């Protein structure tokens, strides 16, 4: 029994008052992270719409590209369905995702698009069979709900990357950045270690670190605070991105991250794309920019910080593996982020 709890109960007993049972503080699950098997030619990848709706026609470029990698593509039942902004009703999306999770022939699941909706079904999904037969789950934006839940509850790695609605309509005329970002999904799925080299940045805070990579959409992470999917960030490398937020809203998000302890004991902080929404009234524009907001919130921390990393709601949105251990070096010559080569 904890001393504070013991004294509290003793005082209540002396006063002749009853006390309620209280559980000890939750201990973080430090179990080994599950890394799903990497794919090989002939494996099956499934496409589903657990959030926003998308048509069968709209996923054709992704389907063709995935097949060109030697993969068999299974189309989920929610592709082409619609319930308002959702890819079918909550029940339909839940059933489709659960069926694909349980399908032993499916080795990876790509969410067709983001939008909103995963949080409405995440607590009804049963991941018990997935833990016994792991597979890669892929997406970003609203899919941050899934990444966070997998990391905190299931303890399984996943892939933060573009989805079906970001594949170019015509691969042959797609610009190099589009092609490279899509091919980074292939590399991640087939087991190529992560490796990034970036130019140095004016606002970067220098240093080096190693740790588990975790993160995603900043607003979504904020919205999961206090839930079973709430991420733990101590000694981890946290990456964040967002789109369409006012500067004051970004400041509020980072206040939340700081007050909830998520910024205090990081190994490193990686800031991806943040598309700032300008104030409708210029006179009301928040008087700090993105760099100032983040450096202010981390001013009492010593870990390295990298800005303008190629991840987020932008063309240069490269695949990252959530839950894997990486090394990051930020110095005057540039930035490197690498996953140690497996032997």
Protein backbone atom coordinates (compact mmCIF):
# COMPACT_ATOMS: atom_id res chain seq x y z
CA UNK A 1 0.00 0.00 0.00
CA UNK A 2 1.27 3.50 -0.82
CA UNK A 3 2.14 5.59 2.26
CA UNK A 4 -0.15 8.49 1.27
CA UNK A 5 -3.04 6.10 0.71
CA UNK A 6 -2.30 4.34 4.05
CA UNK A 7 -2.38 7.61 5.99
CA UNK A 8 -5.56 8.72 4.25
CA UNK A 9 -7.35 5.46 5.10
CA UNK A 10 -6.03 5.55 8.65
CA UNK A 11 -7.43 9.04 9.16
CA UNK A 12 -10.85 8.00 7.82
CA UNK A 13 -10.89 4.95 10.08
CA UNK A 14 -10.04 7.06 13.14
CA UNK A 15 -12.98 9.30 12.31
CA UNK A 16 -15.27 6.31 11.96
CA UNK A 17 -15.84 6.97 8.29
CA UNK A 18 -15.88 4.35 5.53
CA UNK A 19 -13.40 4.50 2.67
CA UNK A 20 -13.59 3.41 -0.92
CA UNK A 21 -11.06 1.00 -2.41
CA UNK A 22 -8.59 2.77 -4.68
CA UNK A 23 -6.26 1.00 -7.09
CA UNK A 24 -2.55 1.82 -7.13
CA UNK A 25 -1.36 4.13 -9.91
CA UNK A 26 -1.31 2.54 -13.33
CA UNK A 27 2.06 1.17 -14.33
CA UNK A 28 3.10 1.66 -17.95
CA UNK A 29 3.11 -1.50 -20.04
CA UNK A 30 6.77 -2.06 -20.86
CA UNK A 31 6.23 -5.30 -22.71
CA UNK A 32 8.24 -5.87 -25.86
CA UNK A 33 6.88 -4.15 -28.93
CA UNK A 34 5.43 -6.58 -31.49
CA UNK A 35 6.89 -6.03 -34.96
CA UNK A 36 4.62 -7.63 -37.59
CA UNK A 37 6.24 -9.79 -40.28
CA UNK A 38 7.38 -7.80 -43.28
CA UNK A 39 5.65 -8.50 -46.58
CA UNK A 40 6.87 -10.45 -49.56
CA UNK A 41 5.59 -10.82 -53.11
CA UNK A 42 2.29 -12.71 -53.20
CA UNK A 43 1.09 -11.49 -49.80
CA UNK A 44 -2.36 -9.94 -49.43
CA UNK A 45 -2.99 -6.34 -48.40
CA UNK A 46 -6.53 -5.16 -47.65
CA UNK A 47 -8.05 -1.74 -48.25
CA UNK A 48 -10.80 -0.45 -45.98
CA UNK A 49 -12.51 2.82 -45.02
CA UNK A 50 -12.76 2.98 -41.21
CA UNK A 51 -13.18 6.77 -41.24
CA UNK A 52 -14.20 8.89 -44.24
CA UNK A 53 -15.92 7.50 -47.33
CA UNK A 54 -14.18 6.75 -50.61
CA UNK A 55 -15.30 5.20 -53.90
CA UNK A 56 -13.96 2.15 -55.67
CA UNK A 57 -12.93 4.38 -58.57
CA UNK A 58 -10.90 6.62 -56.27
CA UNK A 59 -8.79 3.75 -54.95
CA UNK A 60 -7.87 2.41 -58.39
CA UNK A 61 -4.45 4.16 -58.55
CA UNK A 62 -3.52 2.66 -55.18
CA UNK A 63 -4.80 -0.76 -56.18
CA UNK A 64 -2.76 -0.74 -59.40
CA UNK A 65 0.38 0.44 -57.60
CA UNK A 66 0.09 -2.14 -54.81
CA UNK A 67 -0.37 -4.89 -57.39
CA UNK A 68 2.75 -3.68 -59.20
CA UNK A 69 4.68 -4.45 -56.01
CA UNK A 70 3.60 -8.09 -56.31
CA UNK A 71 0.86 -7.85 -53.69
CA UNK A 72 -2.64 -9.29 -53.87
CA UNK A 73 -5.23 -6.66 -52.99
CA UNK A 74 -8.42 -7.41 -51.07
CA UNK A 75 -11.15 -4.74 -51.18
CA UNK A 76 -12.96 -4.23 -47.89
CA UNK A 77 -16.75 -4.05 -47.72
CA UNK A 78 -16.71 -0.36 -46.74
CA UNK A 79 -15.10 0.80 -49.98
CA UNK A 80 -17.92 2.54 -51.86
CA UNK A 81 -20.24 2.73 -48.84
CA UNK A 82 -21.32 6.02 -47.33
CA UNK A 83 -23.14 7.23 -44.25
CA UNK A 84 -22.84 11.01 -44.21
CA UNK A 85 -19.10 11.65 -44.19
CA UNK A 86 -18.30 8.11 -43.04
CA UNK A 87 -17.40 5.04 -45.09
CA UNK A 88 -20.57 3.30 -44.00
CA UNK A 89 -22.29 3.17 -40.62
CA UNK A 90 -20.28 2.67 -37.44
CA UNK A 91 -21.42 -0.95 -37.42
CA UNK A 92 -20.40 -1.50 -41.05
CA UNK A 93 -16.98 0.04 -40.53
CA UNK A 94 -16.46 -1.90 -37.34
CA UNK A 95 -17.46 -5.22 -38.92
CA UNK A 96 -15.31 -4.67 -42.00
CA UNK A 97 -12.21 -3.73 -40.01
CA UNK A 98 -12.71 -6.58 -37.56
CA UNK A 99 -13.12 -9.12 -40.36
CA UNK A 100 -9.87 -7.95 -41.95
CA UNK A 101 -8.06 -8.02 -38.60
CA UNK A 102 -9.16 -11.63 -38.14
CA UNK A 103 -8.43 -12.76 -41.71
CA UNK A 104 -5.24 -14.85 -41.51
CA UNK A 105 -4.64 -14.42 -45.24
CA UNK A 106 -4.41 -10.62 -44.92
CA UNK A 107 -0.88 -9.55 -43.99
CA UNK A 108 -1.45 -5.77 -43.98
CA UNK A 109 -4.38 -3.34 -43.87
CA UNK A 110 -4.24 0.10 -45.46
CA UNK A 111 -6.85 2.66 -44.47
CA UNK A 112 -8.17 4.17 -47.68
CA UNK A 113 -8.39 7.71 -46.33
CA UNK A 114 -8.62 9.72 -43.13
CA UNK A 115 -11.25 12.30 -42.28
CA UNK A 116 -12.94 11.33 -39.03
CA UNK A 117 -14.45 8.20 -37.59
CA UNK A 118 -11.95 5.73 -36.11
CA UNK A 119 -12.43 6.97 -32.56
CA UNK A 120 -16.11 5.99 -32.84
CA UNK A 121 -15.24 2.30 -33.25
CA UNK A 122 -11.80 1.83 -31.66
CA UNK A 123 -13.13 0.56 -28.31
CA UNK A 124 -15.31 -2.07 -29.98
CA UNK A 125 -12.47 -3.61 -31.99
CA UNK A 126 -11.04 -6.88 -30.71
CA UNK A 127 -7.26 -7.04 -31.20
CA UNK A 128 -6.71 -10.39 -29.47
CA UNK A 129 -6.30 -12.37 -32.68
CA UNK A 130 -4.10 -9.62 -34.16
CA UNK A 131 -1.70 -10.00 -31.23
CA UNK A 132 -1.33 -13.70 -32.04
CA UNK A 133 -1.05 -13.12 -35.78
CA UNK A 134 0.37 -9.59 -36.27
CA UNK A 135 -0.03 -7.57 -39.45
CA UNK A 136 0.88 -4.05 -40.52
CA UNK A 137 -1.82 -1.37 -40.18
CA UNK A 138 -1.26 1.72 -42.32
CA UNK A 139 -2.47 5.33 -42.51
CA UNK A 140 -2.18 8.80 -40.99
CA UNK A 141 -4.25 11.80 -39.88
CA UNK A 142 -7.39 10.33 -38.23
CA UNK A 143 -5.62 6.96 -38.27
CA UNK A 144 -3.44 8.39 -35.48
CA UNK A 145 -6.19 7.00 -33.22
CA UNK A 146 -5.25 3.53 -34.40
CA UNK A 147 -1.49 4.11 -34.11
CA UNK A 148 -1.90 5.42 -30.56
CA UNK A 149 -4.15 2.53 -29.52
CA UNK A 150 -1.83 -0.07 -31.03
CA UNK A 151 1.13 1.48 -29.25
CA UNK A 152 -0.47 1.87 -25.84
CA UNK A 153 -2.84 -1.11 -25.65
CA UNK A 154 -1.70 -3.71 -28.17
CA UNK A 155 2.03 -2.88 -28.11
CA UNK A 156 2.36 -3.38 -31.85
CA UNK A 157 4.25 -1.39 -34.47
CA UNK A 158 2.38 0.25 -37.36
CA UNK A 159 3.06 2.41 -40.40
CA UNK A 160 2.23 6.13 -40.49
CA UNK A 161 2.00 7.03 -44.17
CA UNK A 162 -0.07 8.26 -47.05
CA UNK A 163 -3.24 6.34 -47.89
CA UNK A 164 -5.16 5.35 -51.01
CA UNK A 165 -6.47 8.85 -51.69
CA UNK A 166 -2.90 10.17 -52.01
CA UNK A 167 -1.67 7.83 -54.75
CA UNK A 168 -1.11 9.72 -58.03
CA UNK A 169 -3.65 9.09 -60.79
CA UNK A 170 -0.90 8.61 -63.37
CA UNK A 171 2.34 7.20 -61.99
CA UNK A 172 4.30 7.98 -65.13
CA UNK A 173 3.76 11.73 -64.86
CA UNK A 174 3.79 11.99 -61.05
CA UNK A 175 6.46 14.31 -59.70
CA UNK A 176 9.49 12.76 -57.94
CA UNK A 177 8.29 13.66 -54.44
CA UNK A 178 4.95 11.92 -55.00
CA UNK A 179 6.73 8.81 -56.27
CA UNK A 180 9.29 8.77 -53.46
CA UNK A 181 6.67 9.07 -50.74
CA UNK A 182 4.58 6.24 -52.19
CA UNK A 183 7.64 4.05 -52.63
CA UNK A 184 8.54 4.71 -48.99
CA UNK A 185 5.35 2.78 -48.09
CA UNK A 186 6.62 -0.16 -50.15
CA UNK A 187 10.02 0.05 -48.46
CA UNK A 188 8.43 0.08 -45.00
CA UNK A 189 6.12 -2.84 -45.79
CA UNK A 190 8.92 -4.95 -47.25
CA UNK A 191 11.27 -4.33 -44.34
CA UNK A 192 13.73 -1.71 -45.52
CA UNK A 193 15.08 0.14 -42.45
CA UNK A 194 14.03 3.78 -42.14
CA UNK A 195 16.69 6.24 -43.26
CA UNK A 196 16.31 10.01 -43.69
CA UNK A 197 18.85 12.77 -44.27
CA UNK A 198 17.72 16.40 -44.16
CA UNK A 199 19.39 19.80 -44.39
CA UNK A 200 20.07 21.65 -41.16
CA UNK A 201 17.35 24.00 -39.92
CA UNK A 202 17.66 27.45 -38.41
CA UNK A 203 15.46 26.66 -35.42
CA UNK A 204 16.58 23.08 -34.76
CA UNK A 205 17.98 22.28 -31.31
CA UNK A 206 21.10 20.19 -31.71
CA UNK A 207 21.74 16.82 -30.17
CA UNK A 208 21.36 13.09 -30.70
CA UNK A 209 19.01 10.53 -29.27
CA UNK A 210 17.72 6.98 -29.61
CA UNK A 211 14.31 5.65 -28.71
CA UNK A 212 10.98 4.30 -29.82
CA UNK A 213 9.31 6.40 -32.53
CA UNK A 214 5.78 7.48 -31.70
CA UNK A 215 3.37 10.20 -32.78
CA UNK A 216 1.10 11.41 -35.55
CA UNK A 217 -1.55 14.09 -35.82
CA UNK A 218 -1.19 16.57 -32.96
CA UNK A 219 -4.90 17.44 -32.59
CA UNK A 220 -5.84 13.76 -32.58
CA UNK A 221 -3.24 12.96 -29.92
CA UNK A 222 -4.59 15.84 -27.82
CA UNK A 223 -8.13 14.45 -28.16
CA UNK A 224 -7.04 11.03 -26.82
CA UNK A 225 -5.81 12.46 -23.50
CA UNK A 226 -7.18 10.54 -20.55
CA UNK A 227 -8.42 7.64 -22.68
CA UNK A 228 -7.07 4.09 -22.83
CA UNK A 229 -5.40 5.09 -26.12
CA UNK A 230 -3.51 8.01 -24.59
CA UNK A 231 0.14 7.68 -25.60
CA UNK A 232 3.07 7.47 -23.21
CA UNK A 233 6.04 9.49 -24.41
CA UNK A 234 8.77 9.13 -21.77
CA UNK A 235 12.15 8.40 -23.36
CA UNK A 236 10.57 8.17 -26.81
CA UNK A 237 11.07 10.15 -30.01
CA UNK A 238 7.80 11.99 -30.61
CA UNK A 239 6.83 13.22 -34.08
CA UNK A 240 3.91 15.59 -34.63
CA UNK A 241 2.10 17.12 -37.60
CA UNK A 242 -1.16 18.95 -38.25
CA UNK A 243 -3.14 20.89 -40.81
CA UNK A 244 -5.64 23.74 -40.90
CA UNK A 245 -5.19 24.94 -37.30
CA UNK A 246 -4.95 28.50 -36.06
CA UNK A 247 -1.73 29.46 -34.28
CA UNK A 248 -3.55 29.92 -30.99
CA UNK A 249 -4.99 26.42 -31.39
CA UNK A 250 -1.51 25.00 -31.97
CA UNK A 251 -0.33 26.85 -28.86
CA UNK A 252 -3.24 25.33 -26.91
CA UNK A 253 -2.33 21.84 -28.16
CA UNK A 254 1.26 22.24 -26.99
CA UNK A 255 0.06 23.63 -23.67
CA UNK A 256 -1.95 20.43 -23.31
CA UNK A 257 1.04 18.27 -24.25
CA UNK A 258 3.21 20.09 -21.73
CA UNK A 259 0.68 20.11 -18.89
CA UNK A 260 0.00 16.40 -19.39
CA UNK A 261 3.72 15.62 -19.19
CA UNK A 262 4.13 14.46 -22.76
CA UNK A 263 6.93 16.94 -23.51
CA UNK A 264 8.92 16.58 -20.31
CA UNK A 265 10.94 13.38 -20.69
CA UNK A 266 11.23 12.89 -24.43
CA UNK A 267 14.35 11.52 -26.07
CA UNK A 268 13.74 13.91 -29.00
CA UNK A 269 10.96 15.91 -30.64
CA UNK A 270 10.36 15.88 -34.40
CA UNK A 271 8.05 18.49 -35.91
CA UNK A 272 6.63 17.70 -39.32
CA UNK A 273 4.35 19.80 -41.50
CA UNK A 274 2.01 22.21 -39.74
CA UNK A 275 -0.29 24.05 -42.15
CA UNK A 276 -1.29 27.14 -40.22
CA UNK A 277 -4.73 28.62 -40.81
CA UNK A 278 -4.54 32.44 -40.84
CA UNK A 279 -6.82 34.38 -38.53
CA UNK A 280 -9.93 35.82 -40.18
CA UNK A 281 -9.08 39.12 -38.47
CA UNK A 282 -5.37 40.01 -38.89
CA UNK A 283 -5.58 42.13 -35.75
CA UNK A 284 -6.41 38.98 -33.80
CA UNK A 285 -3.52 36.90 -35.16
CA UNK A 286 -1.63 35.06 -32.43
CA UNK A 287 1.65 36.83 -31.73
CA UNK A 288 3.93 33.78 -31.89
CA UNK A 289 4.86 31.64 -34.88
CA UNK A 290 5.10 27.85 -34.91
CA UNK A 291 8.81 27.78 -34.06
CA UNK A 292 8.36 30.17 -31.14
CA UNK A 293 5.41 28.20 -29.75
CA UNK A 294 7.30 24.91 -29.71
CA UNK A 295 10.63 26.26 -28.49
CA UNK A 296 8.79 28.14 -25.73
CA UNK A 297 7.01 24.98 -24.57
CA UNK A 298 10.28 23.00 -24.55
CA UNK A 299 12.58 25.74 -23.24
CA UNK A 300 13.18 23.87 -19.98
CA UNK A 301 13.98 20.60 -21.77
CA UNK A 302 17.38 19.54 -23.06
CA UNK A 303 16.47 17.02 -25.77
CA UNK A 304 17.07 17.74 -29.47
CA UNK A 305 14.28 19.24 -31.60
CA UNK A 306 13.94 18.98 -35.38
CA UNK A 307 11.62 21.14 -37.48
CA UNK A 308 10.26 20.68 -41.01
CA UNK A 309 10.55 16.90 -41.09
CA UNK A 310 8.92 15.41 -44.23
CA UNK A 311 5.78 14.02 -42.62
CA UNK A 312 2.23 15.37 -42.48
CA UNK A 313 -0.60 16.72 -44.62
CA UNK A 314 1.72 17.59 -47.50
CA UNK A 315 3.25 16.09 -50.62
CA UNK A 316 6.49 15.10 -48.87
CA UNK A 317 4.76 12.82 -46.38
CA UNK A 318 7.09 9.85 -46.01
CA UNK A 319 6.31 6.57 -44.30
CA UNK A 320 7.40 6.19 -40.68
CA UNK A 321 7.17 3.08 -38.52
CA UNK A 322 5.48 3.83 -35.22
CA UNK A 323 6.81 1.69 -32.40
CA UNK A 324 10.23 0.88 -33.85
CA UNK A 325 13.47 2.09 -32.32
CA UNK A 326 15.36 4.74 -34.26
CA UNK A 327 18.35 6.99 -33.86
CA UNK A 328 18.24 10.71 -34.62
CA UNK A 329 21.19 13.08 -34.96
CA UNK A 330 20.63 16.83 -35.31
CA UNK A 331 23.73 18.93 -35.88
CA UNK A 332 24.92 21.90 -37.90
CA UNK A 333 25.49 19.71 -40.95
CA UNK A 334 21.95 18.36 -41.07
CA UNK A 335 19.54 15.82 -39.62
CA UNK A 336 19.58 12.05 -39.86
CA UNK A 337 16.95 9.61 -38.64
CA UNK A 338 17.79 5.95 -39.02
CA UNK A 339 16.43 2.62 -37.97
CA UNK A 340 19.30 0.32 -36.95
CA UNK A 341 19.93 -2.36 -39.55
CA UNK A 342 18.63 -5.73 -38.45
CA UNK A 343 20.99 -8.69 -38.62
